[in-house]
Amino acid sequence: MKYSPDALARLNDNPLYRTIGIRIDACADGVAHSTMTPRPEVCWPTPQPHGGILFTLMDTSMAFAALSTADEDSGCATVDCSIQYVAPAKQGPFTCRVATTRKTGRTVFVRAEIVDAMDEAVAFAQATFRIFNVRAASKD
């Protein structure tokens, strides 16, 4: 499944993304690309974004990559996520590149990296997501 420009615009128009400075740029067939220009409010106590902000960028970007492998009426939940911070996040904007590595039934395995404005690695992550039917889940 490929997210259209209109779908991406709706996806990006949410309070969390606006507050943090996240934008999903592209998402299709298990691959996602996002950027983050962190707002000063989320860069505390230093001028760099907190690790939790980087985690949010990765987790949400990986979720949409996982969802792009599923049917339209699907949602997903993070089952497990491991992140390694390999360098300080000093120079934004930051780019998150995501690719699914395997899908078995309703389970999707995903890897991601964040690089800074100089294309230097800041963080790596791998995660597992569980796909579910949104309509069936809302009946429970």
C-alpha atoms as a PDB file:
ATOM      1  CA  MET A   1       0.000   0.000   0.000  1.00  0.00           C
ATOM      2  CA  LYS A   2       1.239   3.489  -0.844  1.00  0.00           C
ATOM      3  CA  TYR A   3       0.182   6.559   1.124  1.00  0.00           C
ATOM      4  CA  SER A   4      -0.979   9.273  -1.297  1.00  0.00           C
ATOM      5  CA  PRO A   5       0.125  12.900  -0.827  1.00  0.00           C
ATOM      6  CA  ASP A   6      -3.343  13.672   0.592  1.00  0.00           C
ATOM      7  CA  ALA A   7      -3.129  10.772   3.042  1.00  0.00           C
ATOM      8  CA  LEU A   8       0.346  11.897   4.128  1.00  0.00           C
ATOM      9  CA  ALA A   9      -0.926  15.461   4.626  1.00  0.00           C
ATOM     10  CA  ARG A  10      -3.730  14.164   6.889  1.00  0.00           C
ATOM     11  CA  LEU A  11      -1.286  11.915   8.707  1.00  0.00           C
ATOM     12  CA  ASN A  12       1.136  14.788   9.323  1.00  0.00           C
ATOM     13  CA  ASP A  13      -1.602  17.142  10.518  1.00  0.00           C
ATOM     14  CA  ASN A  14      -1.760  15.940  14.101  1.00  0.00           C
ATOM     15  CA  PRO A  15      -0.829  17.643  17.379  1.00  0.00           C
ATOM     16  CA  LEU A  16       2.008  15.239  18.231  1.00  0.00           C
ATOM     17  CA  TYR A  17       3.830  15.690  14.939  1.00  0.00           C
ATOM     18  CA  ARG A  18       3.310  19.471  14.942  1.00  0.00           C
ATOM     19  CA  THR A  19       4.605  19.767  18.525  1.00  0.00           C
ATOM     20  CA  ILE A  20       7.707  17.668  17.907  1.00  0.00           C
ATOM     21  CA  GLY A  21       8.406  18.720  14.313  1.00  0.00           C
ATOM     22  CA  ILE A  22       7.936  15.335  12.589  1.00  0.00           C
ATOM     23  CA  ARG A  23       6.866  14.913   8.973  1.00  0.00           C
ATOM     24  CA  ILE A  24       6.356  11.588   7.173  1.00  0.00           C
ATOM     25  CA  ASP A  25       7.638  12.334   3.657  1.00  0.00           C
ATOM     26  CA  ALA A  26       6.949   9.012   1.940  1.00  0.00           C
ATOM     27  CA  CYS A  27       5.522   5.648   2.868  1.00  0.00           C
ATOM     28  CA  ALA A  28       4.863   2.710   0.566  1.00  0.00           C
ATOM     29  CA  ASP A  29       5.346  -1.051   0.364  1.00  0.00           C
ATOM     30  CA  GLY A  30       7.175  -1.446   3.676  1.00  0.00           C
ATOM     31  CA  VAL A  31       9.466   1.556   3.306  1.00  0.00           C
ATOM     32  CA  ALA A  32       9.109   4.957   4.971  1.00  0.00           C
ATOM     33  CA  HIS A  33      11.062   8.189   5.002  1.00  0.00           C
ATOM     34  CA  SER A  34      10.481  10.936   7.531  1.00  0.00           C
ATOM     35  CA  THR A  35      12.142  14.122   8.701  1.00  0.00           C
ATOM     36  CA  MET A  36      12.217  15.968  11.969  1.00  0.00           C
ATOM     37  CA  THR A  37      13.109  19.565  12.622  1.00  0.00           C
ATOM     38  CA  PRO A  38      12.765  19.526  16.395  1.00  0.00           C
ATOM     39  CA  ARG A  39      11.065  22.483  17.983  1.00  0.00           C
ATOM     40  CA  PRO A  40      12.953  24.197  20.824  1.00  0.00           C
ATOM     41  CA  GLU A  41      10.317  23.026  23.322  1.00  0.00           C
ATOM     42  CA  VAL A  42      11.388  19.395  22.839  1.00  0.00           C
ATOM     43  CA  CYS A  43      15.105  20.122  23.148  1.00  0.00           C
ATOM     44  CA  TRP A  44      15.528  20.229  26.884  1.00  0.00           C
ATOM     45  CA  PRO A  45      17.762  20.391  28.914  1.00  0.00           C
ATOM     46  CA  THR A  46      20.198  20.763  25.997  1.00  0.00           C
ATOM     47  CA  PRO A  47      19.808  22.296  22.518  1.00  0.00           C
ATOM     48  CA  GLN A  48      19.627  18.757  21.088  1.00  0.00           C
ATOM     49  CA  PRO A  49      16.438  16.679  21.000  1.00  0.00           C
ATOM     50  CA  HIS A  50      15.981  14.310  23.928  1.00  0.00           C
ATOM     51  CA  GLY A  51      16.386  10.575  23.185  1.00  0.00           C
ATOM     52  CA  GLY A  52      12.655  10.065  23.752  1.00  0.00           C
ATOM     53  CA  ILE A  53      11.942  12.467  20.884  1.00  0.00           C
ATOM     54  CA  LEU A  54      14.239  10.459  18.606  1.00  0.00           C
ATOM     55  CA  PHE A  55      12.480   7.290  19.795  1.00  0.00           C
ATOM     56  CA  THR A  56       9.098   8.816  18.907  1.00  0.00           C
ATOM     57  CA  LEU A  57      10.346   9.687  15.414  1.00  0.00           C
ATOM     58  CA  MET A  58      11.557   6.121  14.885  1.00  0.00           C
ATOM     59  CA  ASP A  59       8.576   4.340  16.450  1.00  0.00           C
ATOM     60  CA  THR A  60       5.970   6.279  14.490  1.00  0.00           C
ATOM     61  CA  SER A  61       7.914   6.074  11.223  1.00  0.00           C
ATOM     62  CA  MET A  62       8.425   2.327  11.648  1.00  0.00           C
ATOM     63  CA  ALA A  63       4.720   1.881  12.439  1.00  0.00           C
ATOM     64  CA  PHE A  64       3.709   3.494   9.162  1.00  0.00           C
ATOM     65  CA  ALA A  65       6.211   1.389   7.227  1.00  0.00           C
ATOM     66  CA  ALA A  66       4.658  -1.701   8.853  1.00  0.00           C
ATOM     67  CA  LEU A  67       1.142  -0.465   8.072  1.00  0.00           C
ATOM     68  CA  SER A  68       2.067   0.067   4.432  1.00  0.00           C
ATOM     69  CA  THR A  69       2.412  -3.724   4.145  1.00  0.00           C
ATOM     70  CA  ALA A  70      -1.137  -4.297   5.421  1.00  0.00           C
ATOM     71  CA  ASP A  71      -4.716  -3.877   4.231  1.00  0.00           C
ATOM     72  CA  GLU A  72      -6.327  -0.441   4.280  1.00  0.00           C
ATOM     73  CA  ASP A  73      -8.466  -1.045   7.391  1.00  0.00           C
ATOM     74  CA  SER A  74      -5.465  -2.037   9.489  1.00  0.00           C
ATOM     75  CA  GLY A  75      -3.833  -0.634  12.570  1.00  0.00           C
ATOM     76  CA  CYS A  76      -0.731  -1.757  14.357  1.00  0.00           C
ATOM     77  CA  ALA A  77       0.830  -1.902  17.780  1.00  0.00           C
ATOM     78  CA  THR A  78       4.474  -1.928  18.761  1.00  0.00           C
ATOM     79  CA  VAL A  79       5.314  -5.301  20.306  1.00  0.00           C
ATOM     80  CA  ASP A  80       9.003  -4.643  20.845  1.00  0.00           C
ATOM     81  CA  CYS A  81      11.427  -1.848  19.961  1.00  0.00           C
ATOM     82  CA  SER A  82      15.128  -1.561  20.601  1.00  0.00           C
ATOM     83  CA  ILE A  83      17.059   1.627  19.870  1.00  0.00           C
ATOM     84  CA  GLN A  84      20.770   2.301  19.951  1.00  0.00           C
ATOM     85  CA  TYR A  85      21.908   5.922  20.231  1.00  0.00           C
ATOM     86  CA  VAL A  86      25.263   5.979  18.446  1.00  0.00           C
ATOM     87  CA  ALA A  87      26.013   9.729  18.432  1.00  0.00           C
ATOM     88  CA  PRO A  88      24.586  12.957  19.844  1.00  0.00           C
ATOM     89  CA  ALA A  89      21.789  14.441  17.755  1.00  0.00           C
ATOM     90  CA  LYS A  90      23.499  17.790  17.270  1.00  0.00           C
ATOM     91  CA  GLN A  91      22.627  19.048  13.803  1.00  0.00           C
ATOM     92  CA  GLY A  92      19.115  18.834  12.372  1.00  0.00           C
ATOM     93  CA  PRO A  93      17.018  18.403  10.498  1.00  0.00           C
ATOM     94  CA  PHE A  94      17.094  14.672  11.127  1.00  0.00           C
ATOM     95  CA  THR A  95      16.101  12.031   8.607  1.00  0.00           C
ATOM     96  CA  CYS A  96      14.614   8.665   9.527  1.00  0.00           C
ATOM     97  CA  ARG A  97      14.891   5.877   6.944  1.00  0.00           C
ATOM     98  CA  VAL A  98      12.819   2.773   7.544  1.00  0.00           C
ATOM     99  CA  ALA A  99      12.476  -0.601   5.846  1.00  0.00           C
ATOM    100  CA  THR A 100      10.552  -3.712   6.791  1.00  0.00           C
ATOM    101  CA  THR A 101      12.756  -6.767   6.860  1.00  0.00           C
ATOM    102  CA  ARG A 102      10.164  -9.518   7.177  1.00  0.00           C
ATOM    103  CA  LYS A 103       6.447 -10.098   7.482  1.00  0.00           C
ATOM    104  CA  THR A 104       4.946 -13.317   8.828  1.00  0.00           C
ATOM    105  CA  GLY A 105       1.176 -13.298   9.083  1.00  0.00           C
ATOM    106  CA  ARG A 106       0.235 -10.307  11.227  1.00  0.00           C
ATOM    107  CA  THR A 107       3.773  -9.715  12.542  1.00  0.00           C
ATOM    108  CA  VAL A 108       6.074  -7.233  10.809  1.00  0.00           C
ATOM    109  CA  PHE A 109       9.779  -6.757  11.553  1.00  0.00           C
ATOM    110  CA  VAL A 110      11.251  -3.341  10.830  1.00  0.00           C
ATOM    111  CA  ARG A 111      14.634  -1.580  10.955  1.00  0.00           C
ATOM    112  CA  ALA A 112      15.349   2.140  10.974  1.00  0.00           C
ATOM    113  CA  GLU A 113      18.133   4.665  11.168  1.00  0.00           C
ATOM    114  CA  ILE A 114      18.244   8.351  11.956  1.00  0.00           C
ATOM    115  CA  VAL A 115      20.899  10.526  10.364  1.00  0.00           C
ATOM    116  CA  ASP A 116      21.660  14.184  10.961  1.00  0.00           C
ATOM    117  CA  ALA A 117      21.971  17.004   8.432  1.00  0.00           C
ATOM    118  CA  MET A 118      25.512  15.808   7.598  1.00  0.00           C
ATOM    119  CA  ASP A 119      24.189  12.264   6.902  1.00  0.00           C
ATOM    120  CA  GLU A 120      25.976  10.984  10.011  1.00  0.00           C
ATOM    121  CA  ALA A 121      24.280   8.196  11.981  1.00  0.00           C
ATOM    122  CA  VAL A 122      22.563   9.256  15.203  1.00  0.00           C
ATOM    123  CA  ALA A 123      20.482   6.179  16.089  1.00  0.00           C
ATOM    124  CA  PHE A 124      19.521   2.713  14.878  1.00  0.00           C
ATOM    125  CA  ALA A 125      16.442   0.711  15.824  1.00  0.00           C
ATOM    126  CA  GLN A 126      14.691  -2.545  15.180  1.00  0.00           C
ATOM    127  CA  ALA A 127      11.111  -3.265  16.086  1.00  0.00           C
ATOM    128  CA  THR A 128       8.307  -5.770  15.840  1.00  0.00           C
ATOM    129  CA  PHE A 129       4.742  -4.677  15.072  1.00  0.00           C
ATOM    130  CA  ARG A 130       1.469  -6.564  15.238  1.00  0.00           C
ATOM    131  CA  ILE A 131      -1.081  -5.763  12.527  1.00  0.00           C
ATOM    132  CA  PHE A 132      -4.773  -5.797  13.448  1.00  0.00           C
ATOM    133  CA  ASN A 133      -8.063  -5.005  11.750  1.00  0.00           C
ATOM    134  CA  VAL A 134      -9.295  -1.627  12.993  1.00  0.00           C
ATOM    135  CA  ARG A 135     -12.985  -2.471  12.478  1.00  0.00           C
ATOM    136  CA  ALA A 136     -12.717  -5.784  14.352  1.00  0.00           C
ATOM    137  CA  ALA A 137     -10.739  -4.154  17.165  1.00  0.00           C
ATOM    138  CA  SER A 138     -13.345  -1.399  17.631  1.00  0.00           C
ATOM    139  CA  LYS A 139     -16.056  -4.024  18.310  1.00  0.00           C
ATOM    140  CA  ASP A 140     -14.183  -5.414  21.342  1.00  0.00           C
END
